[in-house]
N, C-alpha and C. Protein backbone atom coordinates (compact mmCIF):
# COMPACT_ATOMS: atom_id res chain seq x y z
N MET A 1 129.72 146.66 84.68
CA MET A 1 128.04 146.89 85.30
C MET A 1 128.03 145.87 85.96
N ALA A 2 127.70 146.23 87.24
CA ALA A 2 127.75 144.75 88.33
C ALA A 2 126.54 144.12 87.59
N VAL A 3 126.51 142.59 88.07
CA VAL A 3 125.29 141.93 88.18
C VAL A 3 124.32 142.19 89.36
N THR A 4 123.28 142.32 89.18
CA THR A 4 122.58 142.02 90.75
C THR A 4 121.62 140.52 90.70
N ARG A 5 121.77 140.14 91.75
CA ARG A 5 121.55 138.48 92.08
C ARG A 5 119.77 138.80 92.96
N LEU A 6 119.00 137.91 92.29
CA LEU A 6 117.94 137.97 92.93
C LEU A 6 117.73 137.05 94.23
N GLU A 7 118.43 136.92 95.71
CA GLU A 7 118.55 135.96 96.01
C GLU A 7 117.28 135.88 96.43
N ARG A 8 116.10 136.48 97.26
CA ARG A 8 114.69 135.72 98.03
C ARG A 8 114.38 135.33 96.43
N LYS A 9 113.99 135.52 95.72
CA LYS A 9 113.56 134.81 94.11
C LYS A 9 114.18 133.10 93.97
N GLY A 10 115.36 133.10 93.92
CA GLY A 10 116.43 131.62 94.07
C GLY A 10 116.37 130.69 95.40
N ARG A 11 115.83 131.67 96.84
CA ARG A 11 115.79 130.96 97.69
C ARG A 11 114.34 129.95 97.37
N ARG A 12 113.61 130.98 97.18
CA ARG A 12 111.87 130.67 96.87
C ARG A 12 111.60 129.20 95.34
N ASN A 13 112.34 129.38 94.62
CA ASN A 13 112.42 128.60 92.86
C ASN A 13 113.22 127.43 93.56
N VAL A 14 113.97 127.69 94.29
CA VAL A 14 114.61 126.21 95.43
C VAL A 14 113.49 125.06 96.20
N SER A 15 113.08 126.13 96.87
CA SER A 15 112.07 125.53 98.35
C SER A 15 110.44 125.27 97.31
N LYS A 16 110.32 125.52 96.08
CA LYS A 16 109.55 125.34 95.23
C LYS A 16 109.89 123.70 94.58
N ALA A 17 110.96 123.94 94.03
CA ALA A 17 111.76 122.50 93.01
C ALA A 17 111.26 121.61 94.38
N LYS A 18 111.65 121.96 95.42
CA LYS A 18 112.08 120.24 97.10
C LYS A 18 110.97 120.48 97.24
N ARG A 19 109.92 121.15 97.42
CA ARG A 19 108.37 120.38 97.75
C ARG A 19 107.76 119.96 96.79
N ALA A 20 107.79 120.06 95.44
CA ALA A 20 107.54 119.41 94.22
C ALA A 20 108.06 118.25 94.41
N LYS A 21 109.55 118.05 94.62
CA LYS A 21 110.17 116.66 94.83
C LYS A 21 109.34 115.62 95.97
N GLN A 22 109.21 115.49 97.01
CA GLN A 22 108.69 115.31 97.52
C GLN A 22 107.27 115.26 97.90
N VAL A 23 106.57 115.21 96.71
CA VAL A 23 105.05 115.68 96.34
C VAL A 23 104.98 114.48 95.44
N ILE A 24 105.99 114.41 94.76
CA ILE A 24 105.98 113.55 93.61
C ILE A 24 106.70 112.27 94.90
N LYS A 25 107.54 112.32 95.18
CA LYS A 25 108.02 110.79 95.66
C LYS A 25 106.69 110.39 97.01
N SER A 26 105.88 111.07 97.33
CA SER A 26 105.19 110.90 98.45
C SER A 26 104.39 109.90 97.52
N LEU A 27 103.67 110.67 96.38
CA LEU A 27 102.90 109.94 95.24
C LEU A 27 103.13 109.16 94.84
N ASN A 28 104.37 108.37 94.44
CA ASN A 28 104.81 107.20 94.24
C ASN A 28 105.16 106.06 95.17
N ALA A 29 105.16 106.89 96.67
CA ALA A 29 105.34 105.40 97.51
C ALA A 29 104.45 104.23 97.32
N LYS A 30 105.11 103.37 97.70
CA LYS A 30 104.19 102.00 97.72
C LYS A 30 104.21 101.92 99.09
N PRO A 31 103.22 101.16 99.70
CA PRO A 31 103.45 100.62 101.15
C PRO A 31 103.83 99.77 101.24
N VAL A 32 104.62 98.90 102.68
CA VAL A 32 105.23 97.81 102.80
C VAL A 32 104.05 96.63 102.70
N ILE A 33 104.05 95.24 101.87
CA ILE A 33 103.33 94.89 101.91
C ILE A 33 103.67 93.98 102.89
N ARG A 34 102.94 92.83 103.31
CA ARG A 34 103.08 92.08 104.94
C ARG A 34 102.73 90.87 104.57
N ASN A 35 103.19 89.63 105.21
CA ASN A 35 102.60 88.36 104.81
C ASN A 35 101.22 88.56 105.53
N VAL A 36 100.23 88.20 104.40
CA VAL A 36 98.62 88.41 104.60
C VAL A 36 98.56 86.98 104.36
N ASP A 37 97.44 86.55 105.29
CA ASP A 37 97.12 85.03 105.49
C ASP A 37 95.31 85.46 104.84
N VAL A 38 95.89 84.88 103.41
CA VAL A 38 94.30 85.47 102.25
C VAL A 38 93.37 84.46 102.43
N GLU A 39 93.63 83.15 103.26
CA GLU A 39 92.20 82.17 103.02
C GLU A 39 91.78 82.56 104.86
N GLU A 40 92.66 82.94 105.84
CA GLU A 40 91.78 83.55 106.82
C GLU A 40 91.48 84.76 106.49
N ILE A 41 91.26 85.37 105.04
CA ILE A 41 90.27 86.68 105.07
C ILE A 41 89.42 85.84 104.20
N LYS A 42 89.52 85.36 103.31
CA LYS A 42 88.00 84.57 102.59
C LYS A 42 87.34 84.10 104.06
N LYS A 43 87.81 83.07 104.62
CA LYS A 43 87.05 82.71 105.47
C LYS A 43 86.17 83.75 106.28
N GLY A 44 86.58 84.73 106.55
CA GLY A 44 86.41 86.06 107.38
C GLY A 44 85.00 86.75 106.00
N PHE A 45 84.96 86.59 105.23
CA PHE A 45 83.93 87.20 104.28
C PHE A 45 82.64 85.50 104.08
N SER A 46 82.89 84.36 103.61
CA SER A 46 82.10 83.91 104.02
C SER A 46 81.26 83.95 105.28
N LYS A 47 81.67 83.88 106.29
CA LYS A 47 80.82 84.28 107.99
C LYS A 47 79.97 85.36 107.42
N SER A 48 80.34 86.05 107.25
CA SER A 48 79.61 87.25 107.43
C SER A 48 78.15 87.24 106.17
N SER A 49 78.78 86.45 104.71
CA SER A 49 77.37 86.37 103.91
C SER A 49 76.33 85.50 104.03
N LYS A 50 76.68 84.53 105.58
CA LYS A 50 75.90 83.37 105.51
C LYS A 50 74.04 84.09 106.69
N LYS A 51 74.42 85.16 106.35
CA LYS A 51 73.40 85.88 107.52
C LYS A 51 72.21 85.42 106.57
N PRO A 52 71.10 85.33 107.68
CA PRO A 52 69.29 85.02 107.26
C PRO A 52 69.20 86.17 106.57
N VAL A 53 68.01 85.89 105.46
CA VAL A 53 67.73 87.00 104.42
C VAL A 53 66.09 86.57 104.84
N LYS A 54 65.72 88.12 105.21
CA LYS A 54 64.44 88.44 106.11
C LYS A 54 63.47 88.34 104.41
N LYS A 55 62.32 87.65 104.92
CA LYS A 55 61.29 88.06 103.58
C LYS A 55 60.14 88.62 104.41
């Protein structure tokens, strides 16, 4: 008895698995943390919070 291989289905399964791996990798990827000057950012917030309040 001969064995019939479902080649299209096999390719489809491989491509689905590959796509799923790529999606998982992209969701787990963390962005590169750069050197950030925290004090400079804090100064920027304090400047914007000193706006005069209208009464």
